[in-house]
PDBML (XML) file of the C-alpha atoms, coordinates in Angstrom:
<?xml version="1.0" encoding="UTF-8" ?>
<PDBx:datablock datablockName="MODEL"
   xmlns:PDBx="http://pdbml.pdb.org/schema/pdbx-v50.xsd"
   xmlns:xsi="http://www.w3.org/2001/XMLSchema-instance"
   xsi:schemaLocation="http://pdbml.pdb.org/schema/pdbx-v50.xsd pdbx-v50.xsd">
   <PDBx:atom_siteCategory>
      <PDBx:atom_site id="1">
         <PDBx:B_iso_or_equiv>0.00</PDBx:B_iso_or_equiv>
         <PDBx:Cartn_x>-34.535</PDBx:Cartn_x>
         <PDBx:Cartn_y>-45.735</PDBx:Cartn_y>
         <PDBx:Cartn_z>-40.913</PDBx:Cartn_z>
         <PDBx:auth_asym_id>A</PDBx:auth_asym_id>
         <PDBx:auth_atom_id>CA</PDBx:auth_atom_id>
         <PDBx:auth_comp_id>GLN</PDBx:auth_comp_id>
         <PDBx:auth_seq_id>1</PDBx:auth_seq_id>
         <PDBx:group_PDB>ATOM</PDBx:group_PDB>
         <PDBx:label_alt_id xsi:nil="true" />
         <PDBx:label_asym_id>A</PDBx:label_asym_id>
         <PDBx:label_atom_id>CA</PDBx:label_atom_id>
         <PDBx:label_comp_id>GLN</PDBx:label_comp_id>
         <PDBx:label_entity_id>1</PDBx:label_entity_id>
         <PDBx:label_seq_id>1</PDBx:label_seq_id>
         <PDBx:occupancy>1.00</PDBx:occupancy>
         <PDBx:pdbx_PDB_model_num>1</PDBx:pdbx_PDB_model_num>
         <PDBx:type_symbol>C</PDBx:type_symbol>
      </PDBx:atom_site>
      <PDBx:atom_site id="2">
         <PDBx:B_iso_or_equiv>0.00</PDBx:B_iso_or_equiv>
         <PDBx:Cartn_x>-31.715</PDBx:Cartn_x>
         <PDBx:Cartn_y>-47.816</PDBx:Cartn_y>
         <PDBx:Cartn_z>-42.348</PDBx:Cartn_z>
         <PDBx:auth_asym_id>A</PDBx:auth_asym_id>
         <PDBx:auth_atom_id>CA</PDBx:auth_atom_id>
         <PDBx:auth_comp_id>LEU</PDBx:auth_comp_id>
         <PDBx:auth_seq_id>2</PDBx:auth_seq_id>
         <PDBx:group_PDB>ATOM</PDBx:group_PDB>
         <PDBx:label_alt_id xsi:nil="true" />
         <PDBx:label_asym_id>A</PDBx:label_asym_id>
         <PDBx:label_atom_id>CA</PDBx:label_atom_id>
         <PDBx:label_comp_id>LEU</PDBx:label_comp_id>
         <PDBx:label_entity_id>1</PDBx:label_entity_id>
         <PDBx:label_seq_id>2</PDBx:label_seq_id>
         <PDBx:occupancy>1.00</PDBx:occupancy>
         <PDBx:pdbx_PDB_model_num>1</PDBx:pdbx_PDB_model_num>
         <PDBx:type_symbol>C</PDBx:type_symbol>
      </PDBx:atom_site>
      <PDBx:atom_site id="3">
         <PDBx:B_iso_or_equiv>0.00</PDBx:B_iso_or_equiv>
         <PDBx:Cartn_x>-31.815</PDBx:Cartn_x>
         <PDBx:Cartn_y>-51.467</PDBx:Cartn_y>
         <PDBx:Cartn_z>-43.235</PDBx:Cartn_z>
         <PDBx:auth_asym_id>A</PDBx:auth_asym_id>
         <PDBx:auth_atom_id>CA</PDBx:auth_atom_id>
         <PDBx:auth_comp_id>GLY</PDBx:auth_comp_id>
         <PDBx:auth_seq_id>3</PDBx:auth_seq_id>
         <PDBx:group_PDB>ATOM</PDBx:group_PDB>
         <PDBx:label_alt_id xsi:nil="true" />
         <PDBx:label_asym_id>A</PDBx:label_asym_id>
         <PDBx:label_atom_id>CA</PDBx:label_atom_id>
         <PDBx:label_comp_id>GLY</PDBx:label_comp_id>
         <PDBx:label_entity_id>1</PDBx:label_entity_id>
         <PDBx:label_seq_id>3</PDBx:label_seq_id>
         <PDBx:occupancy>1.00</PDBx:occupancy>
         <PDBx:pdbx_PDB_model_num>1</PDBx:pdbx_PDB_model_num>
         <PDBx:type_symbol>C</PDBx:type_symbol>
      </PDBx:atom_site>
      <PDBx:atom_site id="4">
         <PDBx:B_iso_or_equiv>0.00</PDBx:B_iso_or_equiv>
         <PDBx:Cartn_x>-28.781</PDBx:Cartn_x>
         <PDBx:Cartn_y>-53.653</PDBx:Cartn_y>
         <PDBx:Cartn_z>-43.770</PDBx:Cartn_z>
         <PDBx:auth_asym_id>A</PDBx:auth_asym_id>
         <PDBx:auth_atom_id>CA</PDBx:auth_atom_id>
         <PDBx:auth_comp_id>LEU</PDBx:auth_comp_id>
         <PDBx:auth_seq_id>4</PDBx:auth_seq_id>
         <PDBx:group_PDB>ATOM</PDBx:group_PDB>
         <PDBx:label_alt_id xsi:nil="true" />
         <PDBx:label_asym_id>A</PDBx:label_asym_id>
         <PDBx:label_atom_id>CA</PDBx:label_atom_id>
         <PDBx:label_comp_id>LEU</PDBx:label_comp_id>
         <PDBx:label_entity_id>1</PDBx:label_entity_id>
         <PDBx:label_seq_id>4</PDBx:label_seq_id>
         <PDBx:occupancy>1.00</PDBx:occupancy>
         <PDBx:pdbx_PDB_model_num>1</PDBx:pdbx_PDB_model_num>
         <PDBx:type_symbol>C</PDBx:type_symbol>
      </PDBx:atom_site>
      <PDBx:atom_site id="5">
         <PDBx:B_iso_or_equiv>0.00</PDBx:B_iso_or_equiv>
         <PDBx:Cartn_x>-26.499</PDBx:Cartn_x>
         <PDBx:Cartn_y>-52.808</PDBx:Cartn_y>
         <PDBx:Cartn_z>-46.674</PDBx:Cartn_z>
         <PDBx:auth_asym_id>A</PDBx:auth_asym_id>
         <PDBx:auth_atom_id>CA</PDBx:auth_atom_id>
         <PDBx:auth_comp_id>GLY</PDBx:auth_comp_id>
         <PDBx:auth_seq_id>5</PDBx:auth_seq_id>
         <PDBx:group_PDB>ATOM</PDBx:group_PDB>
         <PDBx:label_alt_id xsi:nil="true" />
         <PDBx:label_asym_id>A</PDBx:label_asym_id>
         <PDBx:label_atom_id>CA</PDBx:label_atom_id>
         <PDBx:label_comp_id>GLY</PDBx:label_comp_id>
         <PDBx:label_entity_id>1</PDBx:label_entity_id>
         <PDBx:label_seq_id>5</PDBx:label_seq_id>
         <PDBx:occupancy>1.00</PDBx:occupancy>
         <PDBx:pdbx_PDB_model_num>1</PDBx:pdbx_PDB_model_num>
         <PDBx:type_symbol>C</PDBx:type_symbol>
      </PDBx:atom_site>
      <PDBx:atom_site id="6">
         <PDBx:B_iso_or_equiv>0.00</PDBx:B_iso_or_equiv>
         <PDBx:Cartn_x>-25.563</PDBx:Cartn_x>
         <PDBx:Cartn_y>-49.619</PDBx:Cartn_y>
         <PDBx:Cartn_z>-48.527</PDBx:Cartn_z>
         <PDBx:auth_asym_id>A</PDBx:auth_asym_id>
         <PDBx:auth_atom_id>CA</PDBx:auth_atom_id>
         <PDBx:auth_comp_id>GLU</PDBx:auth_comp_id>
         <PDBx:auth_seq_id>6</PDBx:auth_seq_id>
         <PDBx:group_PDB>ATOM</PDBx:group_PDB>
         <PDBx:label_alt_id xsi:nil="true" />
         <PDBx:label_asym_id>A</PDBx:label_asym_id>
         <PDBx:label_atom_id>CA</PDBx:label_atom_id>
         <PDBx:label_comp_id>GLU</PDBx:label_comp_id>
         <PDBx:label_entity_id>1</PDBx:label_entity_id>
         <PDBx:label_seq_id>6</PDBx:label_seq_id>
         <PDBx:occupancy>1.00</PDBx:occupancy>
         <PDBx:pdbx_PDB_model_num>1</PDBx:pdbx_PDB_model_num>
         <PDBx:type_symbol>C</PDBx:type_symbol>
      </PDBx:atom_site>
      <PDBx:atom_site id="7">
         <PDBx:B_iso_or_equiv>0.00</PDBx:B_iso_or_equiv>
         <PDBx:Cartn_x>-27.684</PDBx:Cartn_x>
         <PDBx:Cartn_y>-46.462</PDBx:Cartn_y>
         <PDBx:Cartn_z>-48.604</PDBx:Cartn_z>
         <PDBx:auth_asym_id>A</PDBx:auth_asym_id>
         <PDBx:auth_atom_id>CA</PDBx:auth_atom_id>
         <PDBx:auth_comp_id>HIS</PDBx:auth_comp_id>
         <PDBx:auth_seq_id>7</PDBx:auth_seq_id>
         <PDBx:group_PDB>ATOM</PDBx:group_PDB>
         <PDBx:label_alt_id xsi:nil="true" />
         <PDBx:label_asym_id>A</PDBx:label_asym_id>
         <PDBx:label_atom_id>CA</PDBx:label_atom_id>
         <PDBx:label_comp_id>HIS</PDBx:label_comp_id>
         <PDBx:label_entity_id>1</PDBx:label_entity_id>
         <PDBx:label_seq_id>7</PDBx:label_seq_id>
         <PDBx:occupancy>1.00</PDBx:occupancy>
         <PDBx:pdbx_PDB_model_num>1</PDBx:pdbx_PDB_model_num>
         <PDBx:type_symbol>C</PDBx:type_symbol>
      </PDBx:atom_site>
      <PDBx:atom_site id="8">
         <PDBx:B_iso_or_equiv>0.00</PDBx:B_iso_or_equiv>
         <PDBx:Cartn_x>-27.524</PDBx:Cartn_x>
         <PDBx:Cartn_y>-43.030</PDBx:Cartn_y>
         <PDBx:Cartn_z>-50.213</PDBx:Cartn_z>
         <PDBx:auth_asym_id>A</PDBx:auth_asym_id>
         <PDBx:auth_atom_id>CA</PDBx:auth_atom_id>
         <PDBx:auth_comp_id>ASP</PDBx:auth_comp_id>
         <PDBx:auth_seq_id>8</PDBx:auth_seq_id>
         <PDBx:group_PDB>ATOM</PDBx:group_PDB>
         <PDBx:label_alt_id xsi:nil="true" />
         <PDBx:label_asym_id>A</PDBx:label_asym_id>
         <PDBx:label_atom_id>CA</PDBx:label_atom_id>
         <PDBx:label_comp_id>ASP</PDBx:label_comp_id>
         <PDBx:label_entity_id>1</PDBx:label_entity_id>
         <PDBx:label_seq_id>8</PDBx:label_seq_id>
         <PDBx:occupancy>1.00</PDBx:occupancy>
         <PDBx:pdbx_PDB_model_num>1</PDBx:pdbx_PDB_model_num>
         <PDBx:type_symbol>C</PDBx:type_symbol>
      </PDBx:atom_site>
      <PDBx:atom_site id="9">
         <PDBx:B_iso_or_equiv>0.00</PDBx:B_iso_or_equiv>
         <PDBx:Cartn_x>-28.534</PDBx:Cartn_x>
         <PDBx:Cartn_y>-40.124</PDBx:Cartn_y>
         <PDBx:Cartn_z>-48.002</PDBx:Cartn_z>
         <PDBx:auth_asym_id>A</PDBx:auth_asym_id>
         <PDBx:auth_atom_id>CA</PDBx:auth_atom_id>
         <PDBx:auth_comp_id>LEU</PDBx:auth_comp_id>
         <PDBx:auth_seq_id>9</PDBx:auth_seq_id>
         <PDBx:group_PDB>ATOM</PDBx:group_PDB>
         <PDBx:label_alt_id xsi:nil="true" />
         <PDBx:label_asym_id>A</PDBx:label_asym_id>
         <PDBx:label_atom_id>CA</PDBx:label_atom_id>
         <PDBx:label_comp_id>LEU</PDBx:label_comp_id>
         <PDBx:label_entity_id>1</PDBx:label_entity_id>
         <PDBx:label_seq_id>9</PDBx:label_seq_id>
         <PDBx:occupancy>1.00</PDBx:occupancy>
         <PDBx:pdbx_PDB_model_num>1</PDBx:pdbx_PDB_model_num>
         <PDBx:type_symbol>C</PDBx:type_symbol>
      </PDBx:atom_site>
      <PDBx:atom_site id="10">
         <PDBx:B_iso_or_equiv>0.00</PDBx:B_iso_or_equiv>
         <PDBx:Cartn_x>-29.620</PDBx:Cartn_x>
         <PDBx:Cartn_y>-37.159</PDBx:Cartn_y>
         <PDBx:Cartn_z>-50.141</PDBx:Cartn_z>
         <PDBx:auth_asym_id>A</PDBx:auth_asym_id>
         <PDBx:auth_atom_id>CA</PDBx:auth_atom_id>
         <PDBx:auth_comp_id>HIS</PDBx:auth_comp_id>
         <PDBx:auth_seq_id>10</PDBx:auth_seq_id>
         <PDBx:group_PDB>ATOM</PDBx:group_PDB>
         <PDBx:label_alt_id xsi:nil="true" />
         <PDBx:label_asym_id>A</PDBx:label_asym_id>
         <PDBx:label_atom_id>CA</PDBx:label_atom_id>
         <PDBx:label_comp_id>HIS</PDBx:label_comp_id>
         <PDBx:label_entity_id>1</PDBx:label_entity_id>
         <PDBx:label_seq_id>10</PDBx:label_seq_id>
         <PDBx:occupancy>1.00</PDBx:occupancy>
         <PDBx:pdbx_PDB_model_num>1</PDBx:pdbx_PDB_model_num>
         <PDBx:type_symbol>C</PDBx:type_symbol>
      </PDBx:atom_site>
      <PDBx:atom_site id="11">
         <PDBx:B_iso_or_equiv>0.00</PDBx:B_iso_or_equiv>
         <PDBx:Cartn_x>-29.622</PDBx:Cartn_x>
         <PDBx:Cartn_y>-33.633</PDBx:Cartn_y>
         <PDBx:Cartn_z>-48.750</PDBx:Cartn_z>
         <PDBx:auth_asym_id>A</PDBx:auth_asym_id>
         <PDBx:auth_atom_id>CA</PDBx:auth_atom_id>
         <PDBx:auth_comp_id>PHE</PDBx:auth_comp_id>
         <PDBx:auth_seq_id>11</PDBx:auth_seq_id>
         <PDBx:group_PDB>ATOM</PDBx:group_PDB>
         <PDBx:label_alt_id xsi:nil="true" />
         <PDBx:label_asym_id>A</PDBx:label_asym_id>
         <PDBx:label_atom_id>CA</PDBx:label_atom_id>
         <PDBx:label_comp_id>PHE</PDBx:label_comp_id>
         <PDBx:label_entity_id>1</PDBx:label_entity_id>
         <PDBx:label_seq_id>11</PDBx:label_seq_id>
         <PDBx:occupancy>1.00</PDBx:occupancy>
         <PDBx:pdbx_PDB_model_num>1</PDBx:pdbx_PDB_model_num>
         <PDBx:type_symbol>C</PDBx:type_symbol>
      </PDBx:atom_site>
      <PDBx:atom_site id="12">
         <PDBx:B_iso_or_equiv>0.00</PDBx:B_iso_or_equiv>
         <PDBx:Cartn_x>-31.345</PDBx:Cartn_x>
         <PDBx:Cartn_y>-31.084</PDBx:Cartn_y>
         <PDBx:Cartn_z>-51.003</PDBx:Cartn_z>
         <PDBx:auth_asym_id>A</PDBx:auth_asym_id>
         <PDBx:auth_atom_id>CA</PDBx:auth_atom_id>
         <PDBx:auth_comp_id>SER</PDBx:auth_comp_id>
         <PDBx:auth_seq_id>12</PDBx:auth_seq_id>
         <PDBx:group_PDB>ATOM</PDBx:group_PDB>
         <PDBx:label_alt_id xsi:nil="true" />
         <PDBx:label_asym_id>A</PDBx:label_asym_id>
         <PDBx:label_atom_id>CA</PDBx:label_atom_id>
         <PDBx:label_comp_id>SER</PDBx:label_comp_id>
         <PDBx:label_entity_id>1</PDBx:label_entity_id>
         <PDBx:label_seq_id>12</PDBx:label_seq_id>
         <PDBx:occupancy>1.00</PDBx:occupancy>
         <PDBx:pdbx_PDB_model_num>1</PDBx:pdbx_PDB_model_num>
         <PDBx:type_symbol>C</PDBx:type_symbol>
      </PDBx:atom_site>
      <PDBx:atom_site id="13">
         <PDBx:B_iso_or_equiv>0.00</PDBx:B_iso_or_equiv>
         <PDBx:Cartn_x>-31.032</PDBx:Cartn_x>
         <PDBx:Cartn_y>-27.296</PDBx:Cartn_y>
         <PDBx:Cartn_z>-50.784</PDBx:Cartn_z>
         <PDBx:auth_asym_id>A</PDBx:auth_asym_id>
         <PDBx:auth_atom_id>CA</PDBx:auth_atom_id>
         <PDBx:auth_comp_id>PHE</PDBx:auth_comp_id>
         <PDBx:auth_seq_id>13</PDBx:auth_seq_id>
         <PDBx:group_PDB>ATOM</PDBx:group_PDB>
         <PDBx:label_alt_id xsi:nil="true" />
         <PDBx:label_asym_id>A</PDBx:label_asym_id>
         <PDBx:label_atom_id>CA</PDBx:label_atom_id>
         <PDBx:label_comp_id>PHE</PDBx:label_comp_id>
         <PDBx:label_entity_id>1</PDBx:label_entity_id>
         <PDBx:label_seq_id>13</PDBx:label_seq_id>
         <PDBx:occupancy>1.00</PDBx:occupancy>
         <PDBx:pdbx_PDB_model_num>1</PDBx:pdbx_PDB_model_num>
         <PDBx:type_symbol>C</PDBx:type_symbol>
      </PDBx:atom_site>
      <PDBx:atom_site id="14">
         <PDBx:B_iso_or_equiv>0.00</PDBx:B_iso_or_equiv>
         <PDBx:Cartn_x>-32.968</PDBx:Cartn_x>
         <PDBx:Cartn_y>-24.691</PDBx:Cartn_y>
         <PDBx:Cartn_z>-52.795</PDBx:Cartn_z>
         <PDBx:auth_asym_id>A</PDBx:auth_asym_id>
         <PDBx:auth_atom_id>CA</PDBx:auth_atom_id>
         <PDBx:auth_comp_id>PRO</PDBx:auth_comp_id>
         <PDBx:auth_seq_id>14</PDBx:auth_seq_id>
         <PDBx:group_PDB>ATOM</PDBx:group_PDB>
         <PDBx:label_alt_id xsi:nil="true" />
         <PDBx:label_asym_id>A</PDBx:label_asym_id>
         <PDBx:label_atom_id>CA</PDBx:label_atom_id>
         <PDBx:label_comp_id>PRO</PDBx:label_comp_id>
         <PDBx:label_entity_id>1</PDBx:label_entity_id>
         <PDBx:label_seq_id>14</PDBx:label_seq_id>
         <PDBx:occupancy>1.00</PDBx:occupancy>
         <PDBx:pdbx_PDB_model_num>1</PDBx:pdbx_PDB_model_num>
         <PDBx:type_symbol>C</PDBx:type_symbol>
      </PDBx:atom_site>
      <PDBx:atom_site id="15">
         <PDBx:B_iso_or_equiv>0.00</PDBx:B_iso_or_equiv>
         <PDBx:Cartn_x>-29.623</PDBx:Cartn_x>
         <PDBx:Cartn_y>-22.885</PDBx:Cartn_y>
         <PDBx:Cartn_z>-53.023</PDBx:Cartn_z>
         <PDBx:auth_asym_id>A</PDBx:auth_asym_id>
         <PDBx:auth_atom_id>CA</PDBx:auth_atom_id>
         <PDBx:auth_comp_id>GLU</PDBx:auth_comp_id>
         <PDBx:auth_seq_id>15</PDBx:auth_seq_id>
         <PDBx:group_PDB>ATOM</PDBx:group_PDB>
         <PDBx:label_alt_id xsi:nil="true" />
         <PDBx:label_asym_id>A</PDBx:label_asym_id>
         <PDBx:label_atom_id>CA</PDBx:label_atom_id>
         <PDBx:label_comp_id>GLU</PDBx:label_comp_id>
         <PDBx:label_entity_id>1</PDBx:label_entity_id>
         <PDBx:label_seq_id>15</PDBx:label_seq_id>
         <PDBx:occupancy>1.00</PDBx:occupancy>
         <PDBx:pdbx_PDB_model_num>1</PDBx:pdbx_PDB_model_num>
         <PDBx:type_symbol>C</PDBx:type_symbol>
      </PDBx:atom_site>
      <PDBx:atom_site id="16">
         <PDBx:B_iso_or_equiv>0.00</PDBx:B_iso_or_equiv>
         <PDBx:Cartn_x>-26.344</PDBx:Cartn_x>
         <PDBx:Cartn_y>-22.420</PDBx:Cartn_y>
         <PDBx:Cartn_z>-51.129</PDBx:Cartn_z>
         <PDBx:auth_asym_id>A</PDBx:auth_asym_id>
         <PDBx:auth_atom_id>CA</PDBx:auth_atom_id>
         <PDBx:auth_comp_id>LEU</PDBx:auth_comp_id>
         <PDBx:auth_seq_id>16</PDBx:auth_seq_id>
         <PDBx:group_PDB>ATOM</PDBx:group_PDB>
         <PDBx:label_alt_id xsi:nil="true" />
         <PDBx:label_asym_id>A</PDBx:label_asym_id>
         <PDBx:label_atom_id>CA</PDBx:label_atom_id>
         <PDBx:label_comp_id>LEU</PDBx:label_comp_id>
         <PDBx:label_entity_id>1</PDBx:label_entity_id>
         <PDBx:label_seq_id>16</PDBx:label_seq_id>
         <PDBx:occupancy>1.00</PDBx:occupancy>
         <PDBx:pdbx_PDB_model_num>1</PDBx:pdbx_PDB_model_num>
         <PDBx:type_symbol>C</PDBx:type_symbol>
      </PDBx:atom_site>
      <PDBx:atom_site id="17">
         <PDBx:B_iso_or_equiv>0.00</PDBx:B_iso_or_equiv>
         <PDBx:Cartn_x>-25.564</PDBx:Cartn_x>
         <PDBx:Cartn_y>-18.683</PDBx:Cartn_y>
         <PDBx:Cartn_z>-51.336</PDBx:Cartn_z>
         <PDBx:auth_asym_id>A</PDBx:auth_asym_id>
         <PDBx:auth_atom_id>CA</PDBx:auth_atom_id>
         <PDBx:auth_comp_id>PRO</PDBx:auth_comp_id>
         <PDBx:auth_seq_id>17</PDBx:auth_seq_id>
         <PDBx:group_PDB>ATOM</PDBx:group_PDB>
         <PDBx:label_alt_id xsi:nil="true" />
         <PDBx:label_asym_id>A</PDBx:label_asym_id>
         <PDBx:label_atom_id>CA</PDBx:label_atom_id>
         <PDBx:label_comp_id>PRO</PDBx:label_comp_id>
         <PDBx:label_entity_id>1</PDBx:label_entity_id>
         <PDBx:label_seq_id>17</PDBx:label_seq_id>
         <PDBx:occupancy>1.00</PDBx:occupancy>
         <PDBx:pdbx_PDB_model_num>1</PDBx:pdbx_PDB_model_num>
         <PDBx:type_symbol>C</PDBx:type_symbol>
      </PDBx:atom_site>
      <PDBx:atom_site id="18">
         <PDBx:B_iso_or_equiv>0.00</PDBx:B_iso_or_equiv>
         <PDBx:Cartn_x>-22.053</PDBx:Cartn_x>
         <PDBx:Cartn_y>-19.100</PDBx:Cartn_y>
         <PDBx:Cartn_z>-49.922</PDBx:Cartn_z>
         <PDBx:auth_asym_id>A</PDBx:auth_asym_id>
         <PDBx:auth_atom_id>CA</PDBx:auth_atom_id>
         <PDBx:auth_comp_id>LEU</PDBx:auth_comp_id>
         <PDBx:auth_seq_id>18</PDBx:auth_seq_id>
         <PDBx:group_PDB>ATOM</PDBx:group_PDB>
         <PDBx:label_alt_id xsi:nil="true" />
         <PDBx:label_asym_id>A</PDBx:label_asym_id>
         <PDBx:label_atom_id>CA</PDBx:label_atom_id>
         <PDBx:label_comp_id>LEU</PDBx:label_comp_id>
         <PDBx:label_entity_id>1</PDBx:label_entity_id>
         <PDBx:label_seq_id>18</PDBx:label_seq_id>
         <PDBx:occupancy>1.00</PDBx:occupancy>
         <PDBx:pdbx_PDB_model_num>1</PDBx:pdbx_PDB_model_num>
         <PDBx:type_symbol>C</PDBx:type_symbol>
      </PDBx:atom_site>
      <PDBx:atom_site id="19">
         <PDBx:B_iso_or_equiv>0.00</PDBx:B_iso_or_equiv>
         <PDBx:Cartn_x>-19.059</PDBx:Cartn_x>
         <PDBx:Cartn_y>-17.034</PDBx:Cartn_y>
         <PDBx:Cartn_z>-50.920</PDBx:Cartn_z>
         <PDBx:auth_asym_id>A</PDBx:auth_asym_id>
         <PDBx:auth_atom_id>CA</PDBx:auth_atom_id>
         <PDBx:auth_comp_id>ARG</PDBx:auth_comp_id>
         <PDBx:auth_seq_id>19</PDBx:auth_seq_id>
         <PDBx:group_PDB>ATOM</PDBx:group_PDB>
         <PDBx:label_alt_id xsi:nil="true" />
         <PDBx:label_asym_id>A</PDBx:label_asym_id>
         <PDBx:label_atom_id>CA</PDBx:label_atom_id>
         <PDBx:label_comp_id>ARG</PDBx:label_comp_id>
         <PDBx:label_entity_id>1</PDBx:label_entity_id>
         <PDBx:label_seq_id>19</PDBx:label_seq_id>
         <PDBx:occupancy>1.00</PDBx:occupancy>
         <PDBx:pdbx_PDB_model_num>1</PDBx:pdbx_PDB_model_num>
         <PDBx:type_symbol>C</PDBx:type_symbol>
      </PDBx:atom_site>
      <PDBx:atom_site id="20">
         <PDBx:B_iso_or_equiv>0.00</PDBx:B_iso_or_equiv>
         <PDBx:Cartn_x>-16.646</PDBx:Cartn_x>
         <PDBx:Cartn_y>-18.820</PDBx:Cartn_y>
         <PDBx:Cartn_z>-53.295</PDBx:Cartn_z>
         <PDBx:auth_asym_id>A</PDBx:auth_asym_id>
         <PDBx:auth_atom_id>CA</PDBx:auth_atom_id>
         <PDBx:auth_comp_id>PRO</PDBx:auth_comp_id>
         <PDBx:auth_seq_id>20</PDBx:auth_seq_id>
         <PDBx:group_PDB>ATOM</PDBx:group_PDB>
         <PDBx:label_alt_id xsi:nil="true" />
         <PDBx:label_asym_id>A</PDBx:label_asym_id>
         <PDBx:label_atom_id>CA</PDBx:label_atom_id>
         <PDBx:label_comp_id>PRO</PDBx:label_comp_id>
         <PDBx:label_entity_id>1</PDBx:label_entity_id>
         <PDBx:label_seq_id>20</PDBx:label_seq_id>
         <PDBx:occupancy>1.00</PDBx:occupancy>
         <PDBx:pdbx_PDB_model_num>1</PDBx:pdbx_PDB_model_num>
         <PDBx:type_symbol>C</PDBx:type_symbol>
      </PDBx:atom_site>
      <PDBx:atom_site id="21">
         <PDBx:B_iso_or_equiv>0.00</PDBx:B_iso_or_equiv>
         <PDBx:Cartn_x>-14.194</PDBx:Cartn_x>
         <PDBx:Cartn_y>-21.037</PDBx:Cartn_y>
         <PDBx:Cartn_z>-51.449</PDBx:Cartn_z>
         <PDBx:auth_asym_id>A</PDBx:auth_asym_id>
         <PDBx:auth_atom_id>CA</PDBx:auth_atom_id>
         <PDBx:auth_comp_id>GLY</PDBx:auth_comp_id>
         <PDBx:auth_seq_id>21</PDBx:auth_seq_id>
         <PDBx:group_PDB>ATOM</PDBx:group_PDB>
         <PDBx:label_alt_id xsi:nil="true" />
         <PDBx:label_asym_id>A</PDBx:label_asym_id>
         <PDBx:label_atom_id>CA</PDBx:label_atom_id>
         <PDBx:label_comp_id>GLY</PDBx:label_comp_id>
         <PDBx:label_entity_id>1</PDBx:label_entity_id>
         <PDBx:label_seq_id>21</PDBx:label_seq_id>
         <PDBx:occupancy>1.00</PDBx:occupancy>
         <PDBx:pdbx_PDB_model_num>1</PDBx:pdbx_PDB_model_num>
         <PDBx:type_symbol>C</PDBx:type_symbol>
      </PDBx:atom_site>
      <PDBx:atom_site id="22">
         <PDBx:B_iso_or_equiv>0.00</PDBx:B_iso_or_equiv>
         <PDBx:Cartn_x>-13.729</PDBx:Cartn_x>
         <PDBx:Cartn_y>-24.427</PDBx:Cartn_y>
         <PDBx:Cartn_z>-49.812</PDBx:Cartn_z>
         <PDBx:auth_asym_id>A</PDBx:auth_asym_id>
         <PDBx:auth_atom_id>CA</PDBx:auth_atom_id>
         <PDBx:auth_comp_id>ALA</PDBx:auth_comp_id>
         <PDBx:auth_seq_id>22</PDBx:auth_seq_id>
         <PDBx:group_PDB>ATOM</PDBx:group_PDB>
         <PDBx:label_alt_id xsi:nil="true" />
         <PDBx:label_asym_id>A</PDBx:label_asym_id>
         <PDBx:label_atom_id>CA</PDBx:label_atom_id>
         <PDBx:label_comp_id>ALA</PDBx:label_comp_id>
         <PDBx:label_entity_id>1</PDBx:label_entity_id>
         <PDBx:label_seq_id>22</PDBx:label_seq_id>
         <PDBx:occupancy>1.00</PDBx:occupancy>
         <PDBx:pdbx_PDB_model_num>1</PDBx:pdbx_PDB_model_num>
         <PDBx:type_symbol>C</PDBx:type_symbol>
      </PDBx:atom_site>
      <PDBx:atom_site id="23">
         <PDBx:B_iso_or_equiv>0.00</PDBx:B_iso_or_equiv>
         <PDBx:Cartn_x>-16.118</PDBx:Cartn_x>
         <PDBx:Cartn_y>-25.710</PDBx:Cartn_y>
         <PDBx:Cartn_z>-47.146</PDBx:Cartn_z>
         <PDBx:auth_asym_id>A</PDBx:auth_asym_id>
         <PDBx:auth_atom_id>CA</PDBx:auth_atom_id>
         <PDBx:auth_comp_id>TYR</PDBx:auth_comp_id>
         <PDBx:auth_seq_id>23</PDBx:auth_seq_id>
         <PDBx:group_PDB>ATOM</PDBx:group_PDB>
         <PDBx:label_alt_id xsi:nil="true" />
         <PDBx:label_asym_id>A</PDBx:label_asym_id>
         <PDBx:label_atom_id>CA</PDBx:label_atom_id>
         <PDBx:label_comp_id>TYR</PDBx:label_comp_id>
         <PDBx:label_entity_id>1</PDBx:label_entity_id>
         <PDBx:label_seq_id>23</PDBx:label_seq_id>
         <PDBx:occupancy>1.00</PDBx:occupancy>
         <PDBx:pdbx_PDB_model_num>1</PDBx:pdbx_PDB_model_num>
         <PDBx:type_symbol>C</PDBx:type_symbol>
      </PDBx:atom_site>
      <PDBx:atom_site id="24">
         <PDBx:B_iso_or_equiv>0.00</PDBx:B_iso_or_equiv>
         <PDBx:Cartn_x>-15.987</PDBx:Cartn_x>
         <PDBx:Cartn_y>-28.687</PDBx:Cartn_y>
         <PDBx:Cartn_z>-44.822</PDBx:Cartn_z>
         <PDBx:auth_asym_id>A</PDBx:auth_asym_id>
         <PDBx:auth_atom_id>CA</PDBx:auth_atom_id>
         <PDBx:auth_comp_id>SER</PDBx:auth_comp_id>
         <PDBx:auth_seq_id>24</PDBx:auth_seq_id>
         <PDBx:group_PDB>ATOM</PDBx:group_PDB>
         <PDBx:label_alt_id xsi:nil="true" />
         <PDBx:label_asym_id>A</PDBx:label_asym_id>
         <PDBx:label_atom_id>CA</PDBx:label_atom_id>
         <PDBx:label_comp_id>SER</PDBx:label_comp_id>
         <PDBx:label_entity_id>1</PDBx:label_entity_id>
         <PDBx:label_seq_id>24</PDBx:label_seq_id>
         <PDBx:occupancy>1.00</PDBx:occupancy>
         <PDBx:pdbx_PDB_model_num>1</PDBx:pdbx_PDB_model_num>
         <PDBx:type_symbol>C</PDBx:type_symbol>
      </PDBx:atom_site>
      <PDBx:atom_site id="25">
         <PDBx:B_iso_or_equiv>0.00</PDBx:B_iso_or_equiv>
         <PDBx:Cartn_x>-18.997</PDBx:Cartn_x>
         <PDBx:Cartn_y>-30.988</PDBx:Cartn_y>
         <PDBx:Cartn_z>-44.417</PDBx:Cartn_z>
         <PDBx:auth_asym_id>A</PDBx:auth_asym_id>
         <PDBx:auth_atom_id>CA</PDBx:auth_atom_id>
         <PDBx:auth_comp_id>LEU</PDBx:auth_comp_id>
         <PDBx:auth_seq_id>25</PDBx:auth_seq_id>
         <PDBx:group_PDB>ATOM</PDBx:group_PDB>
         <PDBx:label_alt_id xsi:nil="true" />
         <PDBx:label_asym_id>A</PDBx:label_asym_id>
         <PDBx:label_atom_id>CA</PDBx:label_atom_id>
         <PDBx:label_comp_id>LEU</PDBx:label_comp_id>
         <PDBx:label_entity_id>1</PDBx:label_entity_id>
         <PDBx:label_seq_id>25</PDBx:label_seq_id>
         <PDBx:occupancy>1.00</PDBx:occupancy>
         <PDBx:pdbx_PDB_model_num>1</PDBx:pdbx_PDB_model_num>
         <PDBx:type_symbol>C</PDBx:type_symbol>
      </PDBx:atom_site>
   </PDBx:atom_siteCategory>
</PDBx:datablock>
């Protein structure tokens, strides 16, 4: 649900056990 205007979408993760490097979202 989004009204008019600006909004922050927050995605929370207990952890991201990824190998060191660059990742694309």
